[in-house]
């Protein structure tokens, strides 16, 4: 049995779910306008932005990096806390703090994904990911990481006990390598100069070359969220849970 903990002050600063679709997926400049007309009840504000992406391309000379600049349509909720981004063969749904709960966020994902399929008519998914960016601020001037985290860099005694900055990470495979999850902990800038802050980034994604049919997205998302939740709980200690304040605990069957 595993515990599902819900917090009064959850540390999720941003949650993102992104879908990328195969190159053969049709795209037309009219698609963003059509999608906006079907999503504007939840996202009444609209914006356009240019984004830069580094992509790996395979050519006669082998793999090479290329910087691409693309335009995205962004639909924003009234308070601008949640957003949908649309681009060529791309759909992204995100919410910033305060994070409410998974059920509300997953409902936003499903609504946006269903409208995308209605307009574009795609029958395949290239890749997708579910990412939680947790901003953790500890009200202490000097922090011993092992007091708060079960996942942290270990240092030999010859090095300073408190590093000036760090990043540590691991990548784990799930479901016969169908999915991977990248976990990173790094220092961050605290809101108060008397505190210390950290980013715990958990990014669960469908690995390249794997396939999930559109009708299987709902199941994949629930699996992804379960793993993200369990990894988060495995990375922290009760001292951090006390800072987040447990609202309720409900036993559920472990997956």
Protein backbone atom coordinates (compact mmCIF):
# COMPACT_ATOMS: atom_id res chain seq x y z
CA UNK A 1 0.00 0.00 0.00
CA UNK A 2 1.21 3.51 -0.80
CA UNK A 3 0.09 6.80 0.66
CA UNK A 4 -1.26 9.66 -1.41
CA UNK A 5 -0.34 12.87 0.36
CA UNK A 6 -2.04 16.15 -0.43
CA UNK A 7 -0.43 19.34 0.79
CA UNK A 8 -1.74 22.69 1.92
CA UNK A 9 1.34 24.37 0.38
CA UNK A 10 2.43 22.12 -2.50
CA UNK A 11 5.81 23.14 -3.96
CA UNK A 12 4.83 22.75 -7.63
CA UNK A 13 5.80 26.07 -9.24
CA UNK A 14 4.80 24.90 -12.72
CA UNK A 15 3.36 21.77 -14.29
CA UNK A 16 3.61 21.15 -18.03
CA UNK A 17 2.23 18.50 -20.33
CA UNK A 18 3.54 18.63 -23.89
CA UNK A 19 2.67 16.63 -26.99
CA UNK A 20 4.71 16.53 -30.18
CA UNK A 21 3.28 14.95 -33.28
CA UNK A 22 4.94 13.24 -36.28
CA UNK A 23 6.23 15.26 -39.24
CA UNK A 24 3.46 13.93 -41.46
CA UNK A 25 0.83 15.51 -39.20
CA UNK A 26 -0.92 18.20 -41.27
CA UNK A 27 -0.49 21.84 -40.28
CA UNK A 28 -2.18 24.97 -41.54
CA UNK A 29 -1.90 28.60 -40.43
CA UNK A 30 -5.65 28.64 -39.82
CA UNK A 31 -5.45 25.91 -37.15
CA UNK A 32 -4.57 28.20 -34.18
CA UNK A 33 -7.58 30.43 -34.87
CA UNK A 34 -9.92 27.45 -35.08
CA UNK A 35 -8.51 25.98 -31.88
CA UNK A 36 -8.83 29.29 -30.08
CA UNK A 37 -12.52 29.47 -30.98
CA UNK A 38 -13.00 26.09 -29.30
CA UNK A 39 -10.93 26.85 -26.19
CA UNK A 40 -11.63 30.52 -25.50
CA UNK A 41 -14.23 29.72 -22.83
CA UNK A 42 -11.33 28.48 -20.63
CA UNK A 43 -8.58 30.60 -22.20
CA UNK A 44 -10.04 33.96 -23.24
CA UNK A 45 -6.70 35.76 -23.75
CA UNK A 46 -4.58 35.20 -26.84
CA UNK A 47 -0.95 36.01 -27.63
CA UNK A 48 1.72 35.19 -30.22
CA UNK A 49 5.35 34.49 -29.33
CA UNK A 50 8.52 33.42 -31.07
CA UNK A 51 10.49 30.62 -29.44
CA UNK A 52 13.96 29.24 -30.08
CA UNK A 53 14.62 25.53 -30.03
CA UNK A 54 17.77 23.48 -30.54
CA UNK A 55 16.93 20.32 -32.51
CA UNK A 56 19.05 17.39 -33.61
CA UNK A 57 18.93 16.70 -37.35
CA UNK A 58 20.32 13.69 -39.19
CA UNK A 59 22.01 14.54 -42.48
CA UNK A 60 24.68 13.09 -44.80
CA UNK A 61 27.34 14.38 -42.41
CA UNK A 62 25.66 12.72 -39.43
CA UNK A 63 23.88 14.26 -36.44
CA UNK A 64 24.02 18.03 -36.13
CA UNK A 65 22.39 20.67 -33.96
CA UNK A 66 20.29 23.38 -35.53
CA UNK A 67 18.66 26.41 -33.94
CA UNK A 68 15.08 26.85 -35.10
CA UNK A 69 12.86 29.85 -34.47
CA UNK A 70 9.14 29.18 -34.53
CA UNK A 71 5.94 31.04 -33.83
CA UNK A 72 3.49 29.79 -31.24
CA UNK A 73 -0.03 30.80 -30.40
CA UNK A 74 -0.66 31.05 -26.67
CA UNK A 75 -4.11 30.97 -25.09
CA UNK A 76 -4.24 32.22 -21.49
CA UNK A 77 -6.75 31.77 -18.71
CA UNK A 78 -8.29 34.95 -17.33
CA UNK A 79 -5.77 35.10 -14.44
CA UNK A 80 -2.99 33.95 -16.83
CA UNK A 81 -2.07 31.15 -14.42
CA UNK A 82 -2.80 28.39 -16.96
CA UNK A 83 -2.03 28.39 -20.67
CA UNK A 84 -2.22 26.37 -23.87
CA UNK A 85 0.51 26.69 -26.49
CA UNK A 86 -0.06 25.68 -30.09
CA UNK A 87 2.61 25.36 -32.74
CA UNK A 88 3.34 23.22 -35.80
CA UNK A 89 2.84 19.67 -34.58
CA UNK A 90 2.98 20.78 -30.96
CA UNK A 91 0.49 21.14 -28.10
CA UNK A 92 1.44 22.23 -24.59
CA UNK A 93 -0.73 22.72 -21.50
CA UNK A 94 0.73 24.36 -18.39
CA UNK A 95 -0.30 25.79 -15.04
CA UNK A 96 1.74 27.89 -12.64
CA UNK A 97 1.53 28.18 -8.88
CA UNK A 98 -0.82 27.90 -7.06
CA UNK A 99 -1.20 24.31 -8.22
CA UNK A 100 -4.66 23.03 -7.34
CA UNK A 101 -4.70 19.26 -7.85
CA UNK A 102 -4.06 16.64 -10.50
CA UNK A 103 -7.71 16.11 -11.38
CA UNK A 104 -8.13 19.76 -12.39
CA UNK A 105 -4.91 19.85 -14.40
CA UNK A 106 -5.58 16.56 -16.17
CA UNK A 107 -9.02 17.86 -17.14
CA UNK A 108 -7.33 20.81 -18.84
CA UNK A 109 -4.98 18.45 -20.68
CA UNK A 110 -7.80 16.25 -21.95
CA UNK A 111 -9.92 19.18 -23.11
CA UNK A 112 -7.05 20.77 -25.04
CA UNK A 113 -5.94 17.42 -26.52
CA UNK A 114 -9.47 16.52 -27.63
CA UNK A 115 -9.96 19.92 -29.31
CA UNK A 116 -6.56 19.57 -31.01
CA UNK A 117 -7.55 16.18 -32.42
CA UNK A 118 -10.88 17.54 -33.65
CA UNK A 119 -9.16 20.29 -35.62
CA UNK A 120 -5.95 18.63 -36.80
CA UNK A 121 -7.23 15.05 -37.02
CA UNK A 122 -3.95 13.45 -35.95
CA UNK A 123 -3.95 9.71 -35.34
CA UNK A 124 -0.42 9.39 -33.93
CA UNK A 125 1.79 10.91 -31.23
CA UNK A 126 5.51 11.43 -31.67
CA UNK A 127 6.31 11.93 -28.01
CA UNK A 128 4.81 13.45 -24.88
CA UNK A 129 5.91 14.34 -21.39
CA UNK A 130 4.58 15.36 -17.99
CA UNK A 131 6.88 17.66 -16.05
CA UNK A 132 6.69 19.05 -12.52
CA UNK A 133 8.98 21.91 -11.52
CA UNK A 134 9.01 22.08 -7.71
CA UNK A 135 10.37 25.24 -6.06
CA UNK A 136 11.34 24.44 -2.48
CA UNK A 137 12.35 27.26 -0.15
CA UNK A 138 13.72 26.35 3.28
CA UNK A 139 13.67 29.09 5.94
CA UNK A 140 17.26 28.55 7.11
CA UNK A 141 20.46 30.41 6.37
CA UNK A 142 22.48 27.20 6.06
CA UNK A 143 20.94 23.89 5.00
CA UNK A 144 22.23 20.35 5.29
CA UNK A 145 20.64 18.71 2.26
CA UNK A 146 20.43 15.28 3.88
CA UNK A 147 18.14 16.72 6.56
CA UNK A 148 15.48 17.50 3.96
CA UNK A 149 16.16 15.39 0.88
CA UNK A 150 16.62 11.68 0.27
CA UNK A 151 17.86 12.55 -3.24
CA UNK A 152 20.86 14.90 -3.15
CA UNK A 153 24.55 15.03 -4.14
CA UNK A 154 26.92 13.23 -1.79
CA UNK A 155 30.30 14.89 -1.33
CA UNK A 156 33.62 13.45 -0.17
CA UNK A 157 34.89 14.81 3.15
CA UNK A 158 37.75 16.63 1.41
CA UNK A 159 35.29 19.06 -0.23
CA UNK A 160 33.38 21.88 1.49
CA UNK A 161 30.30 20.64 3.31
CA UNK A 162 28.03 23.22 1.69
CA UNK A 163 28.62 23.79 -2.06
CA UNK A 164 28.12 27.26 -3.51
CA UNK A 165 25.96 25.73 -6.23
CA UNK A 166 25.15 22.29 -7.56
CA UNK A 167 23.08 20.17 -9.90
CA UNK A 168 22.53 16.45 -9.51
CA UNK A 169 20.37 14.19 -11.65
CA UNK A 170 19.38 10.67 -12.64
CA UNK A 171 17.29 9.11 -15.36
CA UNK A 172 15.10 6.07 -14.73
CA UNK A 173 13.35 3.71 -17.14
CA UNK A 174 9.84 2.31 -16.76
CA UNK A 175 7.59 -0.17 -18.54
CA UNK A 176 10.27 -2.04 -20.49
CA UNK A 177 11.97 1.21 -21.52
CA UNK A 178 8.81 2.64 -23.05
CA UNK A 179 9.03 5.61 -20.66
CA UNK A 180 11.86 7.46 -18.96
CA UNK A 181 11.88 9.90 -16.07
CA UNK A 182 14.58 12.53 -15.59
CA UNK A 183 15.02 13.75 -12.01
CA UNK A 184 17.18 16.77 -11.19
CA UNK A 185 17.84 18.71 -8.01
CA UNK A 186 19.61 22.05 -8.20
CA UNK A 187 20.02 25.15 -6.11
CA UNK A 188 17.82 28.16 -6.87
CA UNK A 189 17.41 31.80 -5.90
CA UNK A 190 15.26 32.11 -2.76
CA UNK A 191 12.58 34.75 -2.35
CA UNK A 192 14.19 35.76 0.95
CA UNK A 193 17.95 36.35 1.22
CA UNK A 194 17.84 34.66 4.63
CA UNK A 195 16.54 31.40 3.15
CA UNK A 196 17.81 28.69 0.79
CA UNK A 197 15.90 27.43 -2.24
CA UNK A 198 16.03 24.44 -4.55
CA UNK A 199 14.40 23.20 -7.75
CA UNK A 200 13.32 19.57 -7.88
CA UNK A 201 12.51 18.90 -11.52
CA UNK A 202 10.73 15.64 -12.43
CA UNK A 203 10.17 15.07 -16.15
CA UNK A 204 8.40 11.84 -17.19
CA UNK A 205 8.33 11.21 -20.94
CA UNK A 206 7.60 8.74 -23.70
CA UNK A 207 10.95 7.67 -25.15
CA UNK A 208 11.81 8.23 -28.79
CA UNK A 209 10.57 5.52 -31.11
CA UNK A 210 7.88 4.32 -28.71
CA UNK A 211 4.21 4.64 -29.56
CA UNK A 212 1.04 5.50 -27.69
CA UNK A 213 -2.19 5.76 -29.70
CA UNK A 214 -4.28 8.89 -29.08
CA UNK A 215 -6.92 6.80 -27.34
CA UNK A 216 -4.27 5.63 -24.88
CA UNK A 217 -3.26 9.10 -23.73
CA UNK A 218 -5.55 9.13 -20.69
CA UNK A 219 -4.09 5.89 -19.32
CA UNK A 220 -0.53 7.03 -20.05
CA UNK A 221 -1.09 10.30 -18.18
CA UNK A 222 -2.39 8.52 -15.10
CA UNK A 223 0.62 6.20 -15.12
CA UNK A 224 2.97 9.14 -15.62
CA UNK A 225 1.42 11.11 -12.79
CA UNK A 226 1.60 8.14 -10.43
CA UNK A 227 5.32 7.71 -11.11
CA UNK A 228 6.00 11.45 -10.79
CA UNK A 229 4.14 11.54 -7.48
CA UNK A 230 5.96 8.49 -6.11
CA UNK A 231 9.37 9.78 -7.23
CA UNK A 232 8.69 13.15 -5.60
CA UNK A 233 7.79 11.48 -2.31
CA UNK A 234 10.88 9.25 -2.52
CA UNK A 235 13.12 12.32 -2.99
CA UNK A 236 12.02 14.22 0.12
CA UNK A 237 11.95 13.64 3.88
CA UNK A 238 9.35 14.36 6.54
CA UNK A 239 11.05 17.64 7.42
CA UNK A 240 10.02 18.94 3.99
CA UNK A 241 6.57 17.42 4.27
CA UNK A 242 6.13 19.42 7.45
CA UNK A 243 6.88 22.61 5.49
CA UNK A 244 4.31 21.68 2.84
CA UNK A 245 1.78 20.63 5.52
CA UNK A 246 -0.07 17.40 4.81
CA UNK A 247 -3.76 18.11 4.24
CA UNK A 248 -5.00 14.54 4.10
CA UNK A 249 -3.69 11.05 3.58
CA UNK A 250 -5.57 8.32 1.77
CA UNK A 251 -4.21 4.77 1.32
CA UNK A 252 -4.42 3.45 -2.21
CA UNK A 253 -3.19 0.32 -3.89
CA UNK A 254 0.39 0.78 -5.06
CA UNK A 255 0.90 0.65 -8.81
